[in-house]
Amino acid sequence: MRRYCLAVDLVDDAGKIAEYEAWHKKVWPDIIESIVSSGIEQMEIYRVANRMFMIMDVKDEFSFEAKAKADAANAKVQEWEKLMWDYQQALPFAKPGEKWILMDKVFDLKNDFL
């Protein structure tokens, strides 16, 4: 199993942030199926102010490229992503159309020190 951490910002508006969190209390079944079928075994999203942080634990065969290809062919996923863009905003250094940005690990207590 591998772990990835990603970040994105939300529109800095308390009402929009509350709506975004409400959507994530009732994620569409098609979206959950897309996540699970891609090889993601666990996903958590955290927020501080308008910065979002996602942790994904994935199977060894998981591929960001395969997930992106499957998502592009899935009308419900595209509908969800379009809806989420109403709440999300790209990080200042993101490429055009890029949302969640993969983060670099800078510290690992267990593997580097223990």
PDB file of N, CA and C in Angstrom:
ATOM      1  N   MET A   1       0.847  -1.179   0.000  1.00  0.00           N
ATOM      2  CA  MET A   1       0.000   0.000   0.000  1.00  0.00           C
ATOM      3  C   MET A   1       0.892   1.242   0.000  1.00  0.00           C
ATOM      4  N   ARG A   2       0.413   2.275  -0.684  1.00  0.00           N
ATOM      5  CA  ARG A   2       1.121   3.548  -0.738  1.00  0.00           C
ATOM      6  C   ARG A   2       0.209   4.653  -0.221  1.00  0.00           C
ATOM      7  N   ARG A   3       0.807   5.742   0.195  1.00  0.00           N
ATOM      8  CA  ARG A   3       0.054   6.899   0.690  1.00  0.00           C
ATOM      9  C   ARG A   3       0.450   8.124  -0.111  1.00  0.00           C
ATOM     10  N   TYR A   4      -0.577   8.903  -0.487  1.00  0.00           N
ATOM     11  CA  TYR A   4      -0.362  10.177  -1.160  1.00  0.00           C
ATOM     12  C   TYR A   4      -1.082  11.257  -0.375  1.00  0.00           C
ATOM     13  N   CYS A   5      -0.503  12.449  -0.360  1.00  0.00           N
ATOM     14  CA  CYS A   5      -1.121  13.606   0.274  1.00  0.00           C
ATOM     15  C   CYS A   5      -1.200  14.715  -0.763  1.00  0.00           C
ATOM     16  N   LEU A   6      -2.360  15.365  -0.803  1.00  0.00           N
ATOM     17  CA  LEU A   6      -2.604  16.386  -1.810  1.00  0.00           C
ATOM     18  C   LEU A   6      -3.251  17.600  -1.150  1.00  0.00           C
ATOM     19  N   ALA A   7      -3.146  18.758  -1.811  1.00  0.00           N
ATOM     20  CA  ALA A   7      -3.727  19.989  -1.281  1.00  0.00           C
ATOM     21  C   ALA A   7      -4.451  20.755  -2.378  1.00  0.00           C
ATOM     22  N   VAL A   8      -5.460  21.496  -1.958  1.00  0.00           N
ATOM     23  CA  VAL A   8      -6.177  22.431  -2.822  1.00  0.00           C
ATOM     24  C   VAL A   8      -6.770  23.503  -1.903  1.00  0.00           C
ATOM     25  N   ASP A   9      -7.106  24.632  -2.428  1.00  0.00           N
ATOM     26  CA  ASP A   9      -7.767  25.680  -1.650  1.00  0.00           C
ATOM     27  C   ASP A   9      -9.254  25.722  -1.987  1.00  0.00           C
ATOM     28  N   LEU A  10     -10.006  26.237  -1.041  1.00  0.00           N
ATOM     29  CA  LEU A  10     -11.413  26.539  -1.268  1.00  0.00           C
ATOM     30  C   LEU A  10     -11.544  28.042  -1.474  1.00  0.00           C
ATOM     31  N   VAL A  11     -12.620  28.440  -2.113  1.00  0.00           N
ATOM     32  CA  VAL A  11     -12.939  29.857  -2.192  1.00  0.00           C
ATOM     33  C   VAL A  11     -13.048  30.352  -0.752  1.00  0.00           C
ATOM     34  N   ASP A  12     -12.389  31.457  -0.448  1.00  0.00           N
ATOM     35  CA  ASP A  12     -12.318  31.948   0.931  1.00  0.00           C
ATOM     36  C   ASP A  12     -13.586  32.698   1.308  1.00  0.00           C
ATOM     37  N   ASP A  13     -14.647  31.907   1.498  1.00  0.00           N
ATOM     38  CA  ASP A  13     -15.963  32.439   1.824  1.00  0.00           C
ATOM     39  C   ASP A  13     -16.630  31.443   2.772  1.00  0.00           C
ATOM     40  N   ALA A  14     -16.990  31.878   3.970  1.00  0.00           N
ATOM     41  CA  ALA A  14     -17.520  30.974   4.996  1.00  0.00           C
ATOM     42  C   ALA A  14     -18.747  30.211   4.508  1.00  0.00           C
ATOM     43  N   GLY A  15     -19.630  30.859   3.782  1.00  0.00           N
ATOM     44  CA  GLY A  15     -20.822  30.188   3.278  1.00  0.00           C
ATOM     45  C   GLY A  15     -20.480  29.098   2.275  1.00  0.00           C
ATOM     46  N   LYS A  16     -19.568  29.401   1.363  1.00  0.00           N
ATOM     47  CA  LYS A  16     -19.141  28.418   0.365  1.00  0.00           C
ATOM     48  C   LYS A  16     -18.435  27.232   1.035  1.00  0.00           C
ATOM     49  N   ILE A  17     -17.617  27.524   2.029  1.00  0.00           N
ATOM     50  CA  ILE A  17     -16.913  26.455   2.746  1.00  0.00           C
ATOM     51  C   ILE A  17     -17.912  25.548   3.444  1.00  0.00           C
ATOM     52  N   ALA A  18     -18.928  26.125   4.070  1.00  0.00           N
ATOM     53  CA  ALA A  18     -19.966  25.326   4.740  1.00  0.00           C
ATOM     54  C   ALA A  18     -20.716  24.457   3.727  1.00  0.00           C
ATOM     55  N   GLU A  19     -21.022  25.003   2.559  1.00  0.00           N
ATOM     56  CA  GLU A  19     -21.694  24.222   1.511  1.00  0.00           C
ATOM     57  C   GLU A  19     -20.809  23.064   1.044  1.00  0.00           C
ATOM     58  N   TYR A  20     -19.530  23.338   0.844  1.00  0.00           N
ATOM     59  CA  TYR A  20     -18.586  22.310   0.403  1.00  0.00           C
ATOM     60  C   TYR A  20     -18.550  21.162   1.418  1.00  0.00           C
ATOM     61  N   GLU A  21     -18.460  21.507   2.680  1.00  0.00           N
ATOM     62  CA  GLU A  21     -18.439  20.470   3.713  1.00  0.00           C
ATOM     63  C   GLU A  21     -19.761  19.704   3.747  1.00  0.00           C
ATOM     64  N   ALA A  22     -20.873  20.378   3.521  1.00  0.00           N
ATOM     65  CA  ALA A  22     -22.173  19.699   3.489  1.00  0.00           C
ATOM     66  C   ALA A  22     -22.223  18.687   2.341  1.00  0.00           C
ATOM     67  N   TRP A  23     -21.703  19.059   1.171  1.00  0.00           N
ATOM     68  CA  TRP A  23     -21.661  18.118   0.048  1.00  0.00           C
ATOM     69  C   TRP A  23     -20.862  16.863   0.420  1.00  0.00           C
ATOM     70  N   HIS A  24     -19.831  17.026   1.225  1.00  0.00           N
ATOM     71  CA  HIS A  24     -18.992  15.888   1.587  1.00  0.00           C
ATOM     72  C   HIS A  24     -19.580  15.036   2.707  1.00  0.00           C
ATOM     73  N   LYS A  25     -20.711  15.420   3.210  1.00  0.00           N
ATOM     74  CA  LYS A  25     -21.464  14.577   4.156  1.00  0.00           C
ATOM     75  C   LYS A  25     -22.436  13.673   3.398  1.00  0.00           C
ATOM     76  N   LYS A  26     -22.657  13.995   2.109  1.00  0.00           N
ATOM     77  CA  LYS A  26     -23.601  13.232   1.278  1.00  0.00           C
ATOM     78  C   LYS A  26     -23.035  13.020  -0.128  1.00  0.00           C
ATOM     79  N   VAL A  27     -21.808  12.522  -0.191  1.00  0.00           N
ATOM     80  CA  VAL A  27     -21.154  12.278  -1.480  1.00  0.00           C
ATOM     81  C   VAL A  27     -21.977  11.280  -2.276  1.00  0.00           C
ATOM     82  N   TRP A  28     -22.146  11.553  -3.549  1.00  0.00           N
ATOM     83  CA  TRP A  28     -22.944  10.693  -4.414  1.00  0.00           C
ATOM     84  C   TRP A  28     -22.357   9.281  -4.471  1.00  0.00           C
ATOM     85  N   PRO A  29     -23.209   8.262  -4.495  1.00  0.00           N
ATOM     86  CA  PRO A  29     -22.735   6.874  -4.579  1.00  0.00           C
ATOM     87  C   PRO A  29     -21.815   6.615  -5.781  1.00  0.00           C
ATOM     88  N   ASP A  30     -22.089   7.256  -6.919  1.00  0.00           N
ATOM     89  CA  ASP A  30     -21.235   7.082  -8.100  1.00  0.00           C
ATOM     90  C   ASP A  30     -19.809   7.571  -7.834  1.00  0.00           C
ATOM     91  N   ILE A  31     -19.676   8.588  -7.026  1.00  0.00           N
ATOM     92  CA  ILE A  31     -18.357   9.136  -6.715  1.00  0.00           C
ATOM     93  C   ILE A  31     -17.604   8.184  -5.789  1.00  0.00           C
ATOM     94  N   ILE A  32     -18.309   7.664  -4.797  1.00  0.00           N
ATOM     95  CA  ILE A  32     -17.699   6.679  -3.890  1.00  0.00           C
ATOM     96  C   ILE A  32     -17.244   5.464  -4.693  1.00  0.00           C
ATOM     97  N   GLU A  33     -18.071   4.991  -5.614  1.00  0.00           N
ATOM     98  CA  GLU A  33     -17.722   3.840  -6.447  1.00  0.00           C
ATOM     99  C   GLU A  33     -16.485   4.132  -7.292  1.00  0.00           C
ATOM    100  N   SER A  34     -16.402   5.329  -7.846  1.00  0.00           N
ATOM    101  CA  SER A  34     -15.252   5.722  -8.654  1.00  0.00           C
ATOM    102  C   SER A  34     -13.976   5.728  -7.820  1.00  0.00           C
ATOM    103  N   ILE A  35     -14.060   6.215  -6.609  1.00  0.00           N
ATOM    104  CA  ILE A  35     -12.902   6.257  -5.709  1.00  0.00           C
ATOM    105  C   ILE A  35     -12.440   4.839  -5.386  1.00  0.00           C
ATOM    106  N   VAL A  36     -13.368   4.007  -4.936  1.00  0.00           N
ATOM    107  CA  VAL A  36     -13.035   2.646  -4.503  1.00  0.00           C
ATOM    108  C   VAL A  36     -12.545   1.798  -5.676  1.00  0.00           C
ATOM    109  N   SER A  37     -13.220   1.878  -6.815  1.00  0.00           N
ATOM    110  CA  SER A  37     -12.852   1.024  -7.952  1.00  0.00           C
ATOM    111  C   SER A  37     -11.501   1.405  -8.550  1.00  0.00           C
ATOM    112  N   SER A  38     -11.011   2.605  -8.256  1.00  0.00           N
ATOM    113  CA  SER A  38      -9.711   3.031  -8.789  1.00  0.00           C
ATOM    114  C   SER A  38      -8.533   2.471  -7.989  1.00  0.00           C
ATOM    115  N   GLY A  39      -8.844   1.864  -6.836  1.00  0.00           N
ATOM    116  CA  GLY A  39      -7.771   1.322  -6.007  1.00  0.00           C
ATOM    117  C   GLY A  39      -7.464   2.154  -4.778  1.00  0.00           C
ATOM    118  N   ILE A  40      -8.290   3.151  -4.506  1.00  0.00           N
ATOM    119  CA  ILE A  40      -8.118   3.943  -3.286  1.00  0.00           C
ATOM    120  C   ILE A  40      -8.806   3.192  -2.158  1.00  0.00           C
ATOM    121  N   GLU A  41      -8.034   2.831  -1.131  1.00  0.00           N
ATOM    122  CA  GLU A  41      -8.574   2.061  -0.020  1.00  0.00           C
ATOM    123  C   GLU A  41      -9.076   2.941   1.121  1.00  0.00           C
ATOM    124  N   GLN A  42      -8.486   4.105   1.289  1.00  0.00           N
ATOM    125  CA  GLN A  42      -8.912   5.038   2.324  1.00  0.00           C
ATOM    126  C   GLN A  42      -8.621   6.445   1.836  1.00  0.00           C
ATOM    127  N   MET A  43      -9.544   7.350   2.111  1.00  0.00           N
ATOM    128  CA  MET A  43      -9.366   8.750   1.753  1.00  0.00           C
ATOM    129  C   MET A  43      -9.912   9.594   2.890  1.00  0.00           C
ATOM    130  N   GLU A  44      -9.124  10.563   3.306  1.00  0.00           N
ATOM    131  CA  GLU A  44      -9.553  11.521   4.324  1.00  0.00           C
ATOM    132  C   GLU A  44      -9.233  12.916   3.813  1.00  0.00           C
ATOM    133  N   ILE A  45     -10.116  13.868   4.126  1.00  0.00           N
ATOM    134  CA  ILE A  45      -9.879  15.257   3.757  1.00  0.00           C
ATOM    135  C   ILE A  45      -9.988  16.093   5.028  1.00  0.00           C
ATOM    136  N   TYR A  46      -9.011  16.954   5.226  1.00  0.00           N
ATOM    137  CA  TYR A  46      -8.968  17.865   6.368  1.00  0.00           C
ATOM    138  C   TYR A  46      -8.951  19.295   5.841  1.00  0.00           C
ATOM    139  N   ARG A  47      -9.371  20.229   6.704  1.00  0.00           N
ATOM    140  CA  ARG A  47      -9.402  21.640   6.315  1.00  0.00           C
ATOM    141  C   ARG A  47      -8.869  22.509   7.439  1.00  0.00           C
ATOM    142  N   VAL A  48      -8.113  23.538   7.080  1.00  0.00           N
ATOM    143  CA  VAL A  48      -7.772  24.637   7.974  1.00  0.00           C
ATOM    144  C   VAL A  48      -8.003  25.911   7.165  1.00  0.00           C
ATOM    145  N   ALA A  49      -8.838  26.778   7.701  1.00  0.00           N
ATOM    146  CA  ALA A  49      -9.253  27.974   6.961  1.00  0.00           C
ATOM    147  C   ALA A  49      -9.781  27.519   5.598  1.00  0.00           C
ATOM    148  N   ASN A  50      -9.189  27.997   4.505  1.00  0.00           N
ATOM    149  CA  ASN A  50      -9.676  27.554   3.187  1.00  0.00           C
ATOM    150  C   ASN A  50      -8.711  26.574   2.506  1.00  0.00           C
ATOM    151  N   ARG A  51      -7.740  26.063   3.233  1.00  0.00           N
ATOM    152  CA  ARG A  51      -6.788  25.084   2.673  1.00  0.00           C
ATOM    153  C   ARG A  51      -7.266  23.676   2.988  1.00  0.00           C
ATOM    154  N   MET A  52      -7.330  22.847   1.950  1.00  0.00           N
ATOM    155  CA  MET A  52      -7.749  21.452   2.085  1.00  0.00           C
ATOM    156  C   MET A  52      -6.530  20.544   1.964  1.00  0.00           C
ATOM    157  N   PHE A  53      -6.560  19.445   2.711  1.00  0.00           N
ATOM    158  CA  PHE A  53      -5.478  18.459   2.711  1.00  0.00           C
ATOM    159  C   PHE A  53      -6.102  17.078   2.616  1.00  0.00           C
ATOM    160  N   MET A  54      -5.729  16.314   1.595  1.00  0.00           N
ATOM    161  CA  MET A  54      -6.287  14.976   1.382  1.00  0.00           C
ATOM    162  C   MET A  54      -5.198  13.924   1.590  1.00  0.00           C
ATOM    163  N   ILE A  55      -5.557  12.867   2.320  1.00  0.00           N
ATOM    164  CA  ILE A  55      -4.688  11.708   2.496  1.00  0.00           C
ATOM    165  C   ILE A  55      -5.358  10.543   1.795  1.00  0.00           C
ATOM    166  N   MET A  56      -4.601   9.883   0.899  1.00  0.00           N
ATOM    167  CA  MET A  56      -5.123   8.724   0.171  1.00  0.00           C
ATOM    168  C   MET A  56      -4.196   7.538   0.409  1.00  0.00           C
ATOM    169  N   ASP A  57      -4.752   6.453   0.902  1.00  0.00           N
ATOM    170  CA  ASP A  57      -4.037   5.187   0.974  1.00  0.00           C
ATOM    171  C   ASP A  57      -4.541   4.350  -0.188  1.00  0.00           C
ATOM    172  N   VAL A  58      -3.604   3.916  -1.041  1.00  0.00           N
ATOM    173  CA  VAL A  58      -3.984   3.248  -2.279  1.00  0.00           C
ATOM    174  C   VAL A  58      -3.316   1.887  -2.405  1.00  0.00           C
ATOM    175  N   LYS A  59      -3.939   1.027  -3.201  1.00  0.00           N
ATOM    176  CA  LYS A  59      -3.349  -0.267  -3.530  1.00  0.00           C
ATOM    177  C   LYS A  59      -2.115  -0.029  -4.395  1.00  0.00           C
ATOM    178  N   ASP A  60      -1.218  -0.997  -4.419  1.00  0.00           N
ATOM    179  CA  ASP A  60       0.011  -0.864  -5.193  1.00  0.00           C
ATOM    180  C   ASP A  60      -0.251  -0.609  -6.673  1.00  0.00           C
ATOM    181  N   GLU A  61      -1.333  -1.145  -7.205  1.00  0.00           N
ATOM    182  CA  GLU A  61      -1.625  -0.979  -8.630  1.00  0.00           C
ATOM    183  C   GLU A  61      -2.327   0.340  -8.959  1.00  0.00           C
ATOM    184  N   PHE A  62      -2.609   1.177  -7.968  1.00  0.00           N
ATOM    185  CA  PHE A  62      -3.266   2.468  -8.221  1.00  0.00           C
ATOM    186  C   PHE A  62      -2.410   3.329  -9.136  1.00  0.00           C
ATOM    187  N   SER A  63      -3.079   4.043 -10.044  1.00  0.00           N
ATOM    188  CA  SER A  63      -2.406   4.943 -10.972  1.00  0.00           C
ATOM    189  C   SER A  63      -3.224   6.231 -11.098  1.00  0.00           C
ATOM    190  N   PHE A  64      -2.578   7.378 -10.900  1.00  0.00           N
ATOM    191  CA  PHE A  64      -3.253   8.653 -11.109  1.00  0.00           C
ATOM    192  C   PHE A  64      -3.716   8.790 -12.554  1.00  0.00           C
ATOM    193  N   GLU A  65      -2.917   8.286 -13.488  1.00  0.00           N
ATOM    194  CA  GLU A  65      -3.263   8.380 -14.910  1.00  0.00           C
ATOM    195  C   GLU A  65      -4.517   7.557 -15.216  1.00  0.00           C
ATOM    196  N   ALA A  66      -4.567   6.331 -14.698  1.00  0.00           N
ATOM    197  CA  ALA A  66      -5.742   5.481 -14.929  1.00  0.00           C
ATOM    198  C   ALA A  66      -6.975   6.083 -14.272  1.00  0.00           C
ATOM    199  N   LYS A  67      -6.823   6.644 -13.076  1.00  0.00           N
ATOM    200  CA  LYS A  67      -7.955   7.279 -12.378  1.00  0.00           C
ATOM    201  C   LYS A  67      -8.458   8.460 -13.201  1.00  0.00           C
ATOM    202  N   ALA A  68      -7.550   9.286 -13.700  1.00  0.00           N
ATOM    203  CA  ALA A  68      -7.948  10.448 -14.500  1.00  0.00           C
ATOM    204  C   ALA A  68      -8.667  10.026 -15.774  1.00  0.00           C
ATOM    205  N   LYS A  69      -8.182   8.976 -16.416  1.00  0.00           N
ATOM    206  CA  LYS A  69      -8.815   8.484 -17.648  1.00  0.00           C
ATOM    207  C   LYS A  69     -10.219   7.962 -17.356  1.00  0.00           C
ATOM    208  N   ALA A  70     -10.370   7.179 -16.287  1.00  0.00           N
ATOM    209  CA  ALA A  70     -11.686   6.649 -15.913  1.00  0.00           C
ATOM    210  C   ALA A  70     -12.634   7.784 -15.533  1.00  0.00           C
ATOM    211  N   ASP A  71     -12.129   8.768 -14.798  1.00  0.00           N
ATOM    212  CA  ASP A  71     -12.968   9.902 -14.392  1.00  0.00           C
ATOM    213  C   ASP A  71     -13.434  10.710 -15.595  1.00  0.00           C
ATOM    214  N   ALA A  72     -12.557  10.889 -16.574  1.00  0.00           N
ATOM    215  CA  ALA A  72     -12.913  11.653 -17.778  1.00  0.00           C
ATOM    216  C   ALA A  72     -14.027  10.978 -18.559  1.00  0.00           C
ATOM    217  N   ALA A  73     -14.116   9.660 -18.453  1.00  0.00           N
ATOM    218  CA  ALA A  73     -15.145   8.898 -19.181  1.00  0.00           C
ATOM    219  C   ALA A  73     -16.422   8.709 -18.363  1.00  0.00           C
ATOM    220  N   ASN A  74     -16.453   9.209 -17.136  1.00  0.00           N
ATOM    221  CA  ASN A  74     -17.583   9.003 -16.234  1.00  0.00           C
ATOM    222  C   ASN A  74     -18.370  10.309 -16.103  1.00  0.00           C
ATOM    223  N   ALA A  75     -19.564  10.350 -16.657  1.00  0.00           N
ATOM    224  CA  ALA A  75     -20.377  11.575 -16.662  1.00  0.00           C
ATOM    225  C   ALA A  75     -20.702  12.058 -15.252  1.00  0.00           C
ATOM    226  N   LYS A  76     -20.970  11.149 -14.336  1.00  0.00           N
ATOM    227  CA  LYS A  76     -21.304  11.550 -12.960  1.00  0.00           C
ATOM    228  C   LYS A  76     -20.095  12.163 -12.270  1.00  0.00           C
ATOM    229  N   VAL A  77     -18.916  11.601 -12.480  1.00  0.00           N
ATOM    230  CA  VAL A  77     -17.700  12.169 -11.893  1.00  0.00           C
ATOM    231  C   VAL A  77     -17.460  13.556 -12.474  1.00  0.00           C
ATOM    232  N   GLN A  78     -17.657  13.720 -13.765  1.00  0.00           N
ATOM    233  CA  GLN A  78     -17.477  15.030 -14.383  1.00  0.00           C
ATOM    234  C   GLN A  78     -18.477  16.046 -13.824  1.00  0.00           C
ATOM    235  N   GLU A  79     -19.709  15.609 -13.603  1.00  0.00           N
ATOM    236  CA  GLU A  79     -20.729  16.485 -13.002  1.00  0.00           C
ATOM    237  C   GLU A  79     -20.310  16.910 -11.594  1.00  0.00           C
ATOM    238  N   TRP A  80     -19.822  15.946 -10.800  1.00  0.00           N
ATOM    239  CA  TRP A  80     -19.365  16.224  -9.428  1.00  0.00           C
ATOM    240  C   TRP A  80     -18.177  17.198  -9.455  1.00  0.00           C
ATOM    241  N   GLU A  81     -17.215  16.941 -10.328  1.00  0.00           N
ATOM    242  CA  GLU A  81     -16.027  17.803 -10.395  1.00  0.00           C
ATOM    243  C   GLU A  81     -16.389  19.222 -10.807  1.00  0.00           C
ATOM    244  N   LYS A  82     -17.317  19.355 -11.739  1.00  0.00           N
ATOM    245  CA  LYS A  82     -17.781  20.691 -12.148  1.00  0.00           C
ATOM    246  C   LYS A  82     -18.435  21.403 -10.965  1.00  0.00           C
ATOM    247  N   LEU A  83     -19.246  20.681 -10.208  1.00  0.00           N
ATOM    248  CA  LEU A  83     -19.889  21.243  -9.021  1.00  0.00           C
ATOM    249  C   LEU A  83     -18.844  21.665  -7.987  1.00  0.00           C
ATOM    250  N   MET A  84     -17.839  20.822  -7.752  1.00  0.00           N
ATOM    251  CA  MET A  84     -16.813  21.126  -6.748  1.00  0.00           C
ATOM    252  C   MET A  84     -15.975  22.337  -7.125  1.00  0.00           C
ATOM    253  N   TRP A  85     -15.804  22.591  -8.432  1.00  0.00           N
ATOM    254  CA  TRP A  85     -15.039  23.767  -8.857  1.00  0.00           C
ATOM    255  C   TRP A  85     -15.720  25.060  -8.431  1.00  0.00           C
ATOM    256  N   ASP A  86     -17.025  25.007  -8.128  1.00  0.00           N
ATOM    257  CA  ASP A  86     -17.709  26.198  -7.607  1.00  0.00           C
ATOM    258  C   ASP A  86     -17.186  26.573  -6.217  1.00  0.00           C
ATOM    259  N   TYR A  87     -16.580  25.621  -5.544  1.00  0.00           N
ATOM    260  CA  TYR A  87     -16.088  25.817  -4.186  1.00  0.00           C
ATOM    261  C   TYR A  87     -14.569  25.839  -4.105  1.00  0.00           C
ATOM    262  N   GLN A  88     -13.923  25.139  -5.002  1.00  0.00           N
ATOM    263  CA  GLN A  88     -12.469  25.011  -4.966  1.00  0.00           C
ATOM    264  C   GLN A  88     -11.812  26.091  -5.811  1.00  0.00           C
ATOM    265  N   GLN A  89     -10.574  26.387  -5.453  1.00  0.00           N
ATOM    266  CA  GLN A  89      -9.755  27.256  -6.297  1.00  0.00           C
ATOM    267  C   GLN A  89      -8.346  26.680  -6.316  1.00  0.00           C
ATOM    268  N   ALA A  90      -7.733  26.783  -7.454  1.00  0.00           N
ATOM    269  CA  ALA A  90      -6.404  26.215  -7.622  1.00  0.00           C
ATOM    270  C   ALA A  90      -5.396  26.921  -6.729  1.00  0.00           C
ATOM    271  N   LEU A  91      -4.400  26.175  -6.299  1.00  0.00           N
ATOM    272  CA  LEU A  91      -3.290  26.782  -5.575  1.00  0.00           C
ATOM    273  C   LEU A  91      -2.596  27.774  -6.510  1.00  0.00           C
ATOM    274  N   PRO A  92      -1.978  28.812  -5.955  1.00  0.00           N
ATOM    275  CA  PRO A  92      -1.408  29.880  -6.797  1.00  0.00           C
ATOM    276  C   PRO A  92      -0.416  29.391  -7.855  1.00  0.00           C
ATOM    277  N   PHE A  93       0.259  28.299  -7.610  1.00  0.00           N
ATOM    278  CA  PHE A  93       1.288  27.798  -8.529  1.00  0.00           C
ATOM    279  C   PHE A  93       0.792  26.652  -9.406  1.00  0.00           C
ATOM    280  N   ALA A  94      -0.499  26.327  -9.338  1.00  0.00           N
ATOM    281  CA  ALA A  94      -1.055  25.210 -10.115  1.00  0.00           C
ATOM    282  C   ALA A  94      -1.054  25.528 -11.607  1.00  0.00           C
ATOM    283  N   LYS A  95      -0.936  24.474 -12.399  1.00  0.00           N
ATOM    284  CA  LYS A  95      -1.050  24.608 -13.846  1.00  0.00           C
ATOM    285  C   LYS A  95      -2.528  24.810 -14.193  1.00  0.00           C
ATOM    286  N   PRO A  96      -2.831  25.376 -15.354  1.00  0.00           N
ATOM    287  CA  PRO A  96      -4.236  25.579 -15.741  1.00  0.00           C
ATOM    288  C   PRO A  96      -5.036  24.273 -15.667  1.00  0.00           C
ATOM    289  N   GLY A  97      -6.184  24.336 -14.993  1.00  0.00           N
ATOM    290  CA  GLY A  97      -7.058  23.187 -14.854  1.00  0.00           C
ATOM    291  C   GLY A  97      -6.654  22.215 -13.758  1.00  0.00           C
ATOM    292  N   GLU A  98      -5.524  22.432 -13.113  1.00  0.00           N
ATOM    293  CA  GLU A  98      -5.033  21.524 -12.068  1.00  0.00           C
ATOM    294  C   GLU A  98      -5.680  21.879 -10.739  1.00  0.00           C
ATOM    295  N   LYS A  99      -6.207  20.853 -10.069  1.00  0.00           N
ATOM    296  CA  LYS A  99      -6.856  21.067  -8.775  1.00  0.00           C
ATOM    297  C   LYS A  99      -5.960  20.588  -7.654  1.00  0.00           C
ATOM    298  N   TRP A 100      -6.219  19.371  -7.227  1.00  0.00           N
ATOM    299  CA  TRP A 100      -5.461  18.802  -6.117  1.00  0.00           C
ATOM    300  C   TRP A 100      -4.004  18.622  -6.543  1.00  0.00           C
ATOM    301  N   ILE A 101      -3.086  19.153  -5.746  1.00  0.00           N
ATOM    302  CA  ILE A 101      -1.654  19.095  -6.035  1.00  0.00           C
ATOM    303  C   ILE A 101      -0.998  18.094  -5.081  1.00  0.00           C
ATOM    304  N   LEU A 102      -0.231  17.189  -5.651  1.00  0.00           N
ATOM    305  CA  LEU A 102       0.493  16.198  -4.866  1.00  0.00           C
ATOM    306  C   LEU A 102       1.550  16.894  -4.013  1.00  0.00           C
ATOM    307  N   MET A 103       1.593  16.539  -2.736  1.00  0.00           N
ATOM    308  CA  MET A 103       2.534  17.149  -1.797  1.00  0.00           C
ATOM    309  C   MET A 103       3.766  16.261  -1.635  1.00  0.00           C
ATOM    310  N   ASP A 104       4.892  16.874  -1.298  1.00  0.00           N
ATOM    311  CA  ASP A 104       6.121  16.147  -1.016  1.00  0.00           C
ATOM    312  C   ASP A 104       6.221  15.882   0.479  1.00  0.00           C
ATOM    313  N   LYS A 105       6.614  14.668   0.830  1.00  0.00           N
ATOM    314  CA  LYS A 105       6.819  14.328   2.234  1.00  0.00           C
ATOM    315  C   LYS A 105       8.139  14.956   2.687  1.00  0.00           C
ATOM    316  N   VAL A 106       8.111  15.651   3.818  1.00  0.00           N
ATOM    317  CA  VAL A 106       9.328  16.283   4.326  1.00  0.00           C
ATOM    318  C   VAL A 106       9.784  15.710   5.662  1.00  0.00           C
ATOM    319  N   PHE A 107       8.939  14.889   6.305  1.00  0.00           N
ATOM    320  CA  PHE A 107       9.301  14.313   7.599  1.00  0.00           C
ATOM    321  C   PHE A 107       8.552  13.010   7.783  1.00  0.00           C
ATOM    322  N   ASP A 108       9.229  12.010   8.290  1.00  0.00           N
ATOM    323  CA  ASP A 108       8.626  10.713   8.570  1.00  0.00           C
ATOM    324  C   ASP A 108       9.277  10.151   9.824  1.00  0.00           C
ATOM    325  N   LEU A 109       8.649  10.318  10.961  1.00  0.00           N
ATOM    326  CA  LEU A 109       9.200   9.887  12.238  1.00  0.00           C
ATOM    327  C   LEU A 109       9.529   8.408  12.238  1.00  0.00           C
ATOM    328  N   LYS A 110       8.563   7.601  11.851  1.00  0.00           N
ATOM    329  CA  LYS A 110       8.718   6.140  11.919  1.00  0.00           C
ATOM    330  C   LYS A 110       9.840   5.632  11.021  1.00  0.00           C
ATOM    331  N   ASN A 111       9.857   6.073   9.777  1.00  0.00           N
ATOM    332  CA  ASN A 111      10.822   5.549   8.814  1.00  0.00           C
ATOM    333  C   ASN A 111      12.172   6.244   8.818  1.00  0.00           C
ATOM    334  N   ASP A 112      12.235   7.470   9.303  1.00  0.00           N
ATOM    335  CA  ASP A 112      13.500   8.201   9.274  1.00  0.00           C
ATOM    336  C   ASP A 112      14.220   8.249  10.608  1.00  0.00           C
ATOM    337  N   PHE A 113      13.480   8.052  11.725  1.00  0.00           N
ATOM    338  CA  PHE A 113      14.117   8.266  13.023  1.00  0.00           C
ATOM    339  C   PHE A 113      13.949   7.114  14.012  1.00  0.00           C
ATOM    340  N   LEU A 114      12.939   6.300  13.837  1.00  0.00           N
ATOM    341  CA  LEU A 114      12.709   5.218  14.805  1.00  0.00           C
ATOM    342  C   LEU A 114      13.145   3.880  14.266  1.00  0.00           C
TER     343      LEU A 114
END
